[in-house]
Amino acid sequence: MSPDQRVQMRIDKMKAELSLSDDQISKIKPILMDAQQKMMAMRNSGGDPETMKTQRKSIMIDSDKQITALLNPDQQQKYNTMKAQMKEHRMQGGGGQPGE
């Protein structure tokens, strides 16, 4: 799946689960695109796996903060639940999307 497809899939999921407005989508999409580009650049650099893990976590935290700031309190709660479910899915070996 291309980076653009990954971002669009994540936007679609967030729109459905969080009832995002068009304005929120227009603000969140560039955040996700930027995070995706940073992840790809990091992977392509071929750095130390432990350093890359730290960088990946930093990218995710930064994008999550930016996204959370655009959500209302109800959406924030749903977003946190959605992230927890995705983390649990990845922990069970289900994969998941980079940046989540």
PDB file of N, CA and C in Angstrom:
ATOM      1  N   MET A   1       0.843  -1.176   0.000  1.00  0.00           N
ATOM      2  CA  MET A   1       0.000   0.000   0.000  1.00  0.00           C
ATOM      3  C   MET A   1       0.897   1.252   0.000  1.00  0.00           C
ATOM      4  N   SER A   2       0.562   2.222  -0.821  1.00  0.00           N
ATOM      5  CA  SER A   2       1.360   3.447  -0.900  1.00  0.00           C
ATOM      6  C   SER A   2       1.118   4.312   0.345  1.00  0.00           C
ATOM      7  N   PRO A   3       2.034   5.232   0.626  1.00  0.00           N
ATOM      8  CA  PRO A   3       1.832   6.140   1.771  1.00  0.00           C
ATOM      9  C   PRO A   3       0.519   6.919   1.671  1.00  0.00           C
ATOM     10  N   ASP A   4       0.185   7.384   0.460  1.00  0.00           N
ATOM     11  CA  ASP A   4      -1.071   8.122   0.283  1.00  0.00           C
ATOM     12  C   ASP A   4      -2.272   7.240   0.601  1.00  0.00           C
ATOM     13  N   GLN A   5      -2.213   5.985   0.197  1.00  0.00           N
ATOM     14  CA  GLN A   5      -3.316   5.058   0.468  1.00  0.00           C
ATOM     15  C   GLN A   5      -3.434   4.786   1.971  1.00  0.00           C
ATOM     16  N   ARG A   6      -2.286   4.653   2.639  1.00  0.00           N
ATOM     17  CA  ARG A   6      -2.308   4.430   4.094  1.00  0.00           C
ATOM     18  C   ARG A   6      -2.970   5.610   4.813  1.00  0.00           C
ATOM     19  N   VAL A   7      -2.573   6.815   4.414  1.00  0.00           N
ATOM     20  CA  VAL A   7      -3.132   8.013   5.037  1.00  0.00           C
ATOM     21  C   VAL A   7      -4.635   8.084   4.761  1.00  0.00           C
ATOM     22  N   GLN A   8      -5.038   7.817   3.529  1.00  0.00           N
ATOM     23  CA  GLN A   8      -6.466   7.883   3.195  1.00  0.00           C
ATOM     24  C   GLN A   8      -7.262   6.831   3.962  1.00  0.00           C
ATOM     25  N   MET A   9      -6.696   5.649   4.120  1.00  0.00           N
ATOM     26  CA  MET A   9      -7.374   4.600   4.882  1.00  0.00           C
ATOM     27  C   MET A   9      -7.548   5.041   6.342  1.00  0.00           C
ATOM     28  N   ARG A  10      -6.513   5.661   6.885  1.00  0.00           N
ATOM     29  CA  ARG A  10      -6.597   6.129   8.277  1.00  0.00           C
ATOM     30  C   ARG A  10      -7.612   7.266   8.410  1.00  0.00           C
ATOM     31  N   ILE A  11      -7.616   8.190   7.435  1.00  0.00           N
ATOM     32  CA  ILE A  11      -8.597   9.289   7.438  1.00  0.00           C
ATOM     33  C   ILE A  11     -10.010   8.713   7.387  1.00  0.00           C
ATOM     34  N   ASP A  12     -10.236   7.753   6.494  1.00  0.00           N
ATOM     35  CA  ASP A  12     -11.569   7.143   6.358  1.00  0.00           C
ATOM     36  C   ASP A  12     -12.013   6.504   7.668  1.00  0.00           C
ATOM     37  N   LYS A  13     -11.101   5.801   8.324  1.00  0.00           N
ATOM     38  CA  LYS A  13     -11.427   5.149   9.596  1.00  0.00           C
ATOM     39  C   LYS A  13     -11.748   6.189  10.670  1.00  0.00           C
ATOM     40  N   MET A  14     -10.926   7.244  10.725  1.00  0.00           N
ATOM     41  CA  MET A  14     -11.146   8.284  11.723  1.00  0.00           C
ATOM     42  C   MET A  14     -12.450   9.032  11.445  1.00  0.00           C
ATOM     43  N   LYS A  15     -12.722   9.291  10.179  1.00  0.00           N
ATOM     44  CA  LYS A  15     -13.961   9.996   9.822  1.00  0.00           C
ATOM     45  C   LYS A  15     -15.170   9.195  10.281  1.00  0.00           C
ATOM     46  N   ALA A  16     -15.142   7.892  10.044  1.00  0.00           N
ATOM     47  CA  ALA A  16     -16.265   7.040  10.416  1.00  0.00           C
ATOM     48  C   ALA A  16     -16.404   6.915  11.933  1.00  0.00           C
ATOM     49  N   GLU A  17     -15.295   6.693  12.617  1.00  0.00           N
ATOM     50  CA  GLU A  17     -15.358   6.423  14.050  1.00  0.00           C
ATOM     51  C   GLU A  17     -15.483   7.687  14.908  1.00  0.00           C
ATOM     52  N   LEU A  18     -14.958   8.807  14.409  1.00  0.00           N
ATOM     53  CA  LEU A  18     -14.948  10.034  15.207  1.00  0.00           C
ATOM     54  C   LEU A  18     -15.926  11.081  14.703  1.00  0.00           C
ATOM     55  N   SER A  19     -16.615  10.783  13.606  1.00  0.00           N
ATOM     56  CA  SER A  19     -17.539  11.749  12.988  1.00  0.00           C
ATOM     57  C   SER A  19     -16.838  13.084  12.722  1.00  0.00           C
ATOM     58  N   LEU A  20     -15.711  13.008  12.029  1.00  0.00           N
ATOM     59  CA  LEU A  20     -14.944  14.213  11.736  1.00  0.00           C
ATOM     60  C   LEU A  20     -15.678  15.110  10.751  1.00  0.00           C
ATOM     61  N   SER A  21     -15.516  16.407  10.938  1.00  0.00           N
ATOM     62  CA  SER A  21     -16.062  17.377   9.984  1.00  0.00           C
ATOM     63  C   SER A  21     -15.084  17.498   8.810  1.00  0.00           C
ATOM     64  N   ASP A  22     -15.552  18.078   7.720  1.00  0.00           N
ATOM     65  CA  ASP A  22     -14.676  18.291   6.570  1.00  0.00           C
ATOM     66  C   ASP A  22     -13.507  19.198   6.945  1.00  0.00           C
ATOM     67  N   ASP A  23     -13.766  20.185   7.807  1.00  0.00           N
ATOM     68  CA  ASP A  23     -12.712  21.088   8.258  1.00  0.00           C
ATOM     69  C   ASP A  23     -11.645  20.320   9.050  1.00  0.00           C
ATOM     70  N   GLN A  24     -12.081  19.432   9.934  1.00  0.00           N
ATOM     71  CA  GLN A  24     -11.132  18.632  10.705  1.00  0.00           C
ATOM     72  C   GLN A  24     -10.310  17.741   9.779  1.00  0.00           C
ATOM     73  N   ILE A  25     -10.966  17.136   8.800  1.00  0.00           N
ATOM     74  CA  ILE A  25     -10.260  16.266   7.858  1.00  0.00           C
ATOM     75  C   ILE A  25      -9.193  17.056   7.103  1.00  0.00           C
ATOM     76  N   SER A  26      -9.547  18.262   6.670  1.00  0.00           N
ATOM     77  CA  SER A  26      -8.594  19.073   5.910  1.00  0.00           C
ATOM     78  C   SER A  26      -7.383  19.475   6.761  1.00  0.00           C
ATOM     79  N   LYS A  27      -7.537  19.496   8.069  1.00  0.00           N
ATOM     80  CA  LYS A  27      -6.429  19.843   8.967  1.00  0.00           C
ATOM     81  C   LYS A  27      -5.646  18.600   9.415  1.00  0.00           C
ATOM     82  N   ILE A  28      -6.320  17.475   9.533  1.00  0.00           N
ATOM     83  CA  ILE A  28      -5.679  16.252  10.001  1.00  0.00           C
ATOM     84  C   ILE A  28      -4.869  15.581   8.889  1.00  0.00           C
ATOM     85  N   LYS A  29      -5.376  15.626   7.671  1.00  0.00           N
ATOM     86  CA  LYS A  29      -4.689  14.933   6.575  1.00  0.00           C
ATOM     87  C   LYS A  29      -3.228  15.382   6.412  1.00  0.00           C
ATOM     88  N   PRO A  30      -2.927  16.704   6.429  1.00  0.00           N
ATOM     89  CA  PRO A  30      -1.508  17.100   6.313  1.00  0.00           C
ATOM     90  C   PRO A  30      -0.648  16.612   7.485  1.00  0.00           C
ATOM     91  N   ILE A  31      -1.238  16.503   8.669  1.00  0.00           N
ATOM     92  CA  ILE A  31      -0.504  15.996   9.840  1.00  0.00           C
ATOM     93  C   ILE A  31      -0.112  14.546   9.597  1.00  0.00           C
ATOM     94  N   LEU A  32      -1.081  13.754   9.114  1.00  0.00           N
ATOM     95  CA  LEU A  32      -0.811  12.344   8.842  1.00  0.00           C
ATOM     96  C   LEU A  32       0.178  12.174   7.693  1.00  0.00           C
ATOM     97  N   MET A  33       0.057  13.010   6.661  1.00  0.00           N
ATOM     98  CA  MET A  33       0.985  12.941   5.527  1.00  0.00           C
ATOM     99  C   MET A  33       2.410  13.258   5.983  1.00  0.00           C
ATOM    100  N   ASP A  34       2.548  14.281   6.819  1.00  0.00           N
ATOM    101  CA  ASP A  34       3.866  14.652   7.326  1.00  0.00           C
ATOM    102  C   ASP A  34       4.471  13.515   8.152  1.00  0.00           C
ATOM    103  N   ALA A  35       3.673  12.917   9.021  1.00  0.00           N
ATOM    104  CA  ALA A  35       4.153  11.806   9.844  1.00  0.00           C
ATOM    105  C   ALA A  35       4.558  10.631   8.956  1.00  0.00           C
ATOM    106  N   GLN A  36       3.757  10.348   7.939  1.00  0.00           N
ATOM    107  CA  GLN A  36       4.051   9.247   7.019  1.00  0.00           C
ATOM    108  C   GLN A  36       5.369   9.503   6.290  1.00  0.00           C
ATOM    109  N   GLN A  37       5.566  10.729   5.833  1.00  0.00           N
ATOM    110  CA  GLN A  37       6.803  11.074   5.127  1.00  0.00           C
ATOM    111  C   GLN A  37       8.018  10.951   6.049  1.00  0.00           C
ATOM    112  N   LYS A  38       7.872  11.381   7.291  1.00  0.00           N
ATOM    113  CA  LYS A  38       8.970  11.259   8.252  1.00  0.00           C
ATOM    114  C   LYS A  38       9.295   9.792   8.520  1.00  0.00           C
ATOM    115  N   MET A  39       8.259   8.961   8.620  1.00  0.00           N
ATOM    116  CA  MET A  39       8.467   7.519   8.849  1.00  0.00           C
ATOM    117  C   MET A  39       9.207   6.892   7.667  1.00  0.00           C
ATOM    118  N   MET A  40       8.788   7.240   6.454  1.00  0.00           N
ATOM    119  CA  MET A  40       9.426   6.689   5.259  1.00  0.00           C
ATOM    120  C   MET A  40      10.887   7.131   5.183  1.00  0.00           C
ATOM    121  N   ALA A  41      11.163   8.389   5.453  1.00  0.00           N
ATOM    122  CA  ALA A  41      12.532   8.901   5.417  1.00  0.00           C
ATOM    123  C   ALA A  41      13.392   8.184   6.457  1.00  0.00           C
ATOM    124  N   MET A  42      12.819   7.949   7.630  1.00  0.00           N
ATOM    125  CA  MET A  42      13.536   7.270   8.688  1.00  0.00           C
ATOM    126  C   MET A  42      13.855   5.833   8.267  1.00  0.00           C
ATOM    127  N   ARG A  43      12.880   5.123   7.712  1.00  0.00           N
ATOM    128  CA  ARG A  43      13.094   3.744   7.266  1.00  0.00           C
ATOM    129  C   ARG A  43      14.164   3.682   6.177  1.00  0.00           C
ATOM    130  N   ASN A  44      14.109   4.629   5.255  1.00  0.00           N
ATOM    131  CA  ASN A  44      15.051   4.638   4.137  1.00  0.00           C
ATOM    132  C   ASN A  44      16.465   5.011   4.556  1.00  0.00           C
ATOM    133  N   SER A  45      16.610   5.624   5.724  1.00  0.00           N
ATOM    134  CA  SER A  45      17.937   6.024   6.189  1.00  0.00           C
ATOM    135  C   SER A  45      18.741   4.830   6.674  1.00  0.00           C
ATOM    136  N   GLY A  46      18.058   3.739   7.010  1.00  0.00           N
ATOM    137  CA  GLY A  46      18.750   2.528   7.445  1.00  0.00           C
ATOM    138  C   GLY A  46      19.504   2.698   8.747  1.00  0.00           C
ATOM    139  N   GLY A  47      18.948   3.456   9.653  1.00  0.00           N
ATOM    140  CA  GLY A  47      19.609   3.721  10.933  1.00  0.00           C
ATOM    141  C   GLY A  47      19.519   2.553  11.903  1.00  0.00           C
ATOM    142  N   ASP A  48      20.057   2.778  13.060  1.00  0.00           N
ATOM    143  CA  ASP A  48      20.041   1.813  14.157  1.00  0.00           C
ATOM    144  C   ASP A  48      18.601   1.521  14.567  1.00  0.00           C
ATOM    145  N   PRO A  49      18.226   0.234  14.689  1.00  0.00           N
ATOM    146  CA  PRO A  49      16.835  -0.102  15.028  1.00  0.00           C
ATOM    147  C   PRO A  49      16.335   0.545  16.320  1.00  0.00           C
ATOM    148  N   GLU A  50      17.179   0.633  17.315  1.00  0.00           N
ATOM    149  CA  GLU A  50      16.751   1.213  18.592  1.00  0.00           C
ATOM    150  C   GLU A  50      16.521   2.716  18.445  1.00  0.00           C
ATOM    151  N   THR A  51      17.393   3.374  17.697  1.00  0.00           N
ATOM    152  CA  THR A  51      17.226   4.807  17.435  1.00  0.00           C
ATOM    153  C   THR A  51      15.959   5.041  16.626  1.00  0.00           C
ATOM    154  N   MET A  52      15.732   4.173  15.643  1.00  0.00           N
ATOM    155  CA  MET A  52      14.540   4.299  14.807  1.00  0.00           C
ATOM    156  C   MET A  52      13.268   4.105  15.630  1.00  0.00           C
ATOM    157  N   LYS A  53      13.310   3.211  16.586  1.00  0.00           N
ATOM    158  CA  LYS A  53      12.152   2.975  17.457  1.00  0.00           C
ATOM    159  C   LYS A  53      11.828   4.245  18.251  1.00  0.00           C
ATOM    160  N   THR A  54      12.859   4.890  18.768  1.00  0.00           N
ATOM    161  CA  THR A  54      12.682   6.137  19.525  1.00  0.00           C
ATOM    162  C   THR A  54      12.136   7.235  18.621  1.00  0.00           C
ATOM    163  N   GLN A  55      12.689   7.342  17.417  1.00  0.00           N
ATOM    164  CA  GLN A  55      12.226   8.353  16.467  1.00  0.00           C
ATOM    165  C   GLN A  55      10.774   8.098  16.057  1.00  0.00           C
ATOM    166  N   ARG A  56      10.441   6.838  15.806  1.00  0.00           N
ATOM    167  CA  ARG A  56       9.074   6.482  15.416  1.00  0.00           C
ATOM    168  C   ARG A  56       8.092   6.877  16.514  1.00  0.00           C
ATOM    169  N   LYS A  57       8.456   6.592  17.752  1.00  0.00           N
ATOM    170  CA  LYS A  57       7.591   6.937  18.889  1.00  0.00           C
ATOM    171  C   LYS A  57       7.415   8.453  18.980  1.00  0.00           C
ATOM    172  N   SER A  58       8.496   9.195  18.774  1.00  0.00           N
ATOM    173  CA  SER A  58       8.448  10.656  18.829  1.00  0.00           C
ATOM    174  C   SER A  58       7.535  11.210  17.731  1.00  0.00           C
ATOM    175  N   ILE A  59       7.644  10.663  16.521  1.00  0.00           N
ATOM    176  CA  ILE A  59       6.793  11.090  15.408  1.00  0.00           C
ATOM    177  C   ILE A  59       5.326  10.820  15.735  1.00  0.00           C
ATOM    178  N   MET A  60       5.050   9.649  16.289  1.00  0.00           N
ATOM    179  CA  MET A  60       3.672   9.280  16.621  1.00  0.00           C
ATOM    180  C   MET A  60       3.104  10.188  17.707  1.00  0.00           C
ATOM    181  N   ILE A  61       3.886  10.461  18.727  1.00  0.00           N
ATOM    182  CA  ILE A  61       3.429  11.318  19.824  1.00  0.00           C
ATOM    183  C   ILE A  61       3.137  12.725  19.308  1.00  0.00           C
ATOM    184  N   ASP A  62       4.031  13.245  18.476  1.00  0.00           N
ATOM    185  CA  ASP A  62       3.852  14.585  17.929  1.00  0.00           C
ATOM    186  C   ASP A  62       2.581  14.672  17.087  1.00  0.00           C
ATOM    187  N   SER A  63       2.380  13.708  16.201  1.00  0.00           N
ATOM    188  CA  SER A  63       1.182  13.752  15.348  1.00  0.00           C
ATOM    189  C   SER A  63      -0.089  13.552  16.184  1.00  0.00           C
ATOM    190  N   ASP A  64      -0.029  12.687  17.182  1.00  0.00           N
ATOM    191  CA  ASP A  64      -1.195  12.480  18.057  1.00  0.00           C
ATOM    192  C   ASP A  64      -1.572  13.760  18.793  1.00  0.00           C
ATOM    193  N   LYS A  65      -0.578  14.501  19.278  1.00  0.00           N
ATOM    194  CA  LYS A  65      -0.854  15.766  19.977  1.00  0.00           C
ATOM    195  C   LYS A  65      -1.545  16.758  19.041  1.00  0.00           C
ATOM    196  N   GLN A  66      -1.027  16.842  17.822  1.00  0.00           N
ATOM    197  CA  GLN A  66      -1.606  17.772  16.853  1.00  0.00           C
ATOM    198  C   GLN A  66      -3.047  17.377  16.503  1.00  0.00           C
ATOM    199  N   ILE A  67      -3.274  16.089  16.320  1.00  0.00           N
ATOM    200  CA  ILE A  67      -4.622  15.607  15.980  1.00  0.00           C
ATOM    201  C   ILE A  67      -5.568  15.822  17.151  1.00  0.00           C
ATOM    202  N   THR A  68      -5.145  15.453  18.342  1.00  0.00           N
ATOM    203  CA  THR A  68      -5.991  15.593  19.531  1.00  0.00           C
ATOM    204  C   THR A  68      -6.429  17.038  19.728  1.00  0.00           C
ATOM    205  N   ALA A  69      -5.544  17.989  19.420  1.00  0.00           N
ATOM    206  CA  ALA A  69      -5.874  19.409  19.579  1.00  0.00           C
ATOM    207  C   ALA A  69      -7.003  19.844  18.646  1.00  0.00           C
ATOM    208  N   LEU A  70      -7.231  19.098  17.573  1.00  0.00           N
ATOM    209  CA  LEU A  70      -8.275  19.446  16.605  1.00  0.00           C
ATOM    210  C   LEU A  70      -9.625  18.793  16.911  1.00  0.00           C
ATOM    211  N   LEU A  71      -9.641  17.919  17.912  1.00  0.00           N
ATOM    212  CA  LEU A  71     -10.853  17.159  18.230  1.00  0.00           C
ATOM    213  C   LEU A  71     -11.590  17.759  19.417  1.00  0.00           C
ATOM    214  N   ASN A  72     -12.914  17.572  19.433  1.00  0.00           N
ATOM    215  CA  ASN A  72     -13.684  17.981  20.605  1.00  0.00           C
ATOM    216  C   ASN A  72     -13.515  16.902  21.681  1.00  0.00           C
ATOM    217  N   PRO A  73     -13.943  17.170  22.928  1.00  0.00           N
ATOM    218  CA  PRO A  73     -13.722  16.202  24.008  1.00  0.00           C
ATOM    219  C   PRO A  73     -14.279  14.808  23.726  1.00  0.00           C
ATOM    220  N   ASP A  74     -15.458  14.707  23.125  1.00  0.00           N
ATOM    221  CA  ASP A  74     -16.036  13.401  22.810  1.00  0.00           C
ATOM    222  C   ASP A  74     -15.179  12.673  21.779  1.00  0.00           C
ATOM    223  N   GLN A  75     -14.733  13.400  20.759  1.00  0.00           N
ATOM    224  CA  GLN A  75     -13.881  12.804  19.729  1.00  0.00           C
ATOM    225  C   GLN A  75     -12.526  12.385  20.320  1.00  0.00           C
ATOM    226  N   GLN A  76     -12.010  13.182  21.246  1.00  0.00           N
ATOM    227  CA  GLN A  76     -10.734  12.843  21.878  1.00  0.00           C
ATOM    228  C   GLN A  76     -10.838  11.510  22.613  1.00  0.00           C
ATOM    229  N   GLN A  77     -11.932  11.322  23.331  1.00  0.00           N
ATOM    230  CA  GLN A  77     -12.135  10.072  24.067  1.00  0.00           C
ATOM    231  C   GLN A  77     -12.211   8.897  23.093  1.00  0.00           C
ATOM    232  N   LYS A  78     -12.970   9.062  22.014  1.00  0.00           N
ATOM    233  CA  LYS A  78     -13.090   8.001  21.014  1.00  0.00           C
ATOM    234  C   LYS A  78     -11.749   7.730  20.326  1.00  0.00           C
ATOM    235  N   TYR A  79     -10.979   8.793  20.076  1.00  0.00           N
ATOM    236  CA  TYR A  79      -9.669   8.656  19.440  1.00  0.00           C
ATOM    237  C   TYR A  79      -8.731   7.851  20.338  1.00  0.00           C
ATOM    238  N   ASN A  80      -8.744   8.139  21.630  1.00  0.00           N
ATOM    239  CA  ASN A  80      -7.904   7.394  22.572  1.00  0.00           C
ATOM    240  C   ASN A  80      -8.297   5.921  22.613  1.00  0.00           C
ATOM    241  N   THR A  81      -9.600   5.643  22.574  1.00  0.00           N
ATOM    242  CA  THR A  81     -10.081   4.266  22.555  1.00  0.00           C
ATOM    243  C   THR A  81      -9.640   3.582  21.265  1.00  0.00           C
ATOM    244  N   MET A  82      -9.762   4.281  20.142  1.00  0.00           N
ATOM    245  CA  MET A  82      -9.379   3.738  18.844  1.00  0.00           C
ATOM    246  C   MET A  82      -7.887   3.399  18.835  1.00  0.00           C
ATOM    247  N   LYS A  83      -7.045   4.292  19.372  1.00  0.00           N
ATOM    248  CA  LYS A  83      -5.605   4.047  19.416  1.00  0.00           C
ATOM    249  C   LYS A  83      -5.289   2.842  20.302  1.00  0.00           C
ATOM    250  N   ALA A  84      -5.973   2.727  21.428  1.00  0.00           N
ATOM    251  CA  ALA A  84      -5.738   1.606  22.333  1.00  0.00           C
ATOM    252  C   ALA A  84      -6.110   0.281  21.659  1.00  0.00           C
ATOM    253  N   GLN A  85      -7.209   0.278  20.910  1.00  0.00           N
ATOM    254  CA  GLN A  85      -7.618  -0.944  20.207  1.00  0.00           C
ATOM    255  C   GLN A  85      -6.605  -1.326  19.133  1.00  0.00           C
ATOM    256  N   MET A  86      -6.092  -0.334  18.415  1.00  0.00           N
ATOM    257  CA  MET A  86      -5.095  -0.624  17.378  1.00  0.00           C
ATOM    258  C   MET A  86      -3.800  -1.141  17.997  1.00  0.00           C
ATOM    259  N   LYS A  87      -3.410  -0.569  19.133  1.00  0.00           N
ATOM    260  CA  LYS A  87      -2.200  -1.022  19.817  1.00  0.00           C
ATOM    261  C   LYS A  87      -2.365  -2.466  20.265  1.00  0.00           C
ATOM    262  N   GLU A  88      -3.519  -2.772  20.816  1.00  0.00           N
ATOM    263  CA  GLU A  88      -3.780  -4.139  21.263  1.00  0.00           C
ATOM    264  C   GLU A  88      -3.753  -5.100  20.074  1.00  0.00           C
ATOM    265  N   HIS A  89      -4.319  -4.692  18.957  1.00  0.00           N
ATOM    266  CA  HIS A  89      -4.332  -5.513  17.746  1.00  0.00           C
ATOM    267  C   HIS A  89      -2.896  -5.799  17.286  1.00  0.00           C
ATOM    268  N   ARG A  90      -2.035  -4.772  17.299  1.00  0.00           N
ATOM    269  CA  ARG A  90      -0.641  -4.946  16.893  1.00  0.00           C
ATOM    270  C   ARG A  90       0.092  -5.868  17.875  1.00  0.00           C
ATOM    271  N   MET A  91      -0.209  -5.726  19.158  1.00  0.00           N
ATOM    272  CA  MET A  91       0.459  -6.543  20.170  1.00  0.00           C
ATOM    273  C   MET A  91       0.106  -8.016  19.997  1.00  0.00           C
ATOM    274  N   GLN A  92      -1.066  -8.297  19.432  1.00  0.00           N
ATOM    275  CA  GLN A  92      -1.508  -9.666  19.205  1.00  0.00           C
ATOM    276  C   GLN A  92      -1.016 -10.195  17.862  1.00  0.00           C
ATOM    277  N   GLY A  93      -0.149  -9.416  17.216  1.00  0.00           N
ATOM    278  CA  GLY A  93       0.412  -9.871  15.956  1.00  0.00           C
ATOM    279  C   GLY A  93      -0.433  -9.560  14.751  1.00  0.00           C
ATOM    280  N   GLY A  94      -1.364  -8.631  14.904  1.00  0.00           N
ATOM    281  CA  GLY A  94      -2.265  -8.307  13.808  1.00  0.00           C
ATOM    282  C   GLY A  94      -1.743  -7.245  12.866  1.00  0.00           C
ATOM    283  N   GLY A  95      -0.522  -6.812  13.062  1.00  0.00           N
ATOM    284  CA  GLY A  95       0.028  -5.796  12.171  1.00  0.00           C
ATOM    285  C   GLY A  95      -0.440  -4.423  12.557  1.00  0.00           C
ATOM    286  N   GLY A  96      -1.017  -3.727  11.620  1.00  0.00           N
ATOM    287  CA  GLY A  96      -1.477  -2.369  11.878  1.00  0.00           C
ATOM    288  C   GLY A  96      -0.825  -1.420  10.915  1.00  0.00           C
ATOM    289  N   GLN A  97      -1.176  -0.182  11.022  1.00  0.00           N
ATOM    290  CA  GLN A  97      -0.645   0.814  10.115  1.00  0.00           C
ATOM    291  C   GLN A  97       0.517   1.533  10.783  1.00  0.00           C
ATOM    292  N   PRO A  98       1.554   1.802  10.020  1.00  0.00           N
ATOM    293  CA  PRO A  98       2.655   2.576  10.603  1.00  0.00           C
ATOM    294  C   PRO A  98       2.150   3.935  11.060  1.00  0.00           C
ATOM    295  N   GLY A  99       2.689   4.388  12.155  1.00  0.00           N
ATOM    296  CA  GLY A  99       2.305   5.694  12.662  1.00  0.00           C
ATOM    297  C   GLY A  99       1.143   5.669  13.596  1.00  0.00           C
ATOM    298  N   GLU A 100       0.644   4.512  13.926  1.00  0.00           N
ATOM    299  CA  GLU A 100      -0.494   4.428  14.833  1.00  0.00           C
ATOM    300  C   GLU A 100      -0.062   3.799  16.124  1.00  0.00           C
TER     301      GLU A 100
END
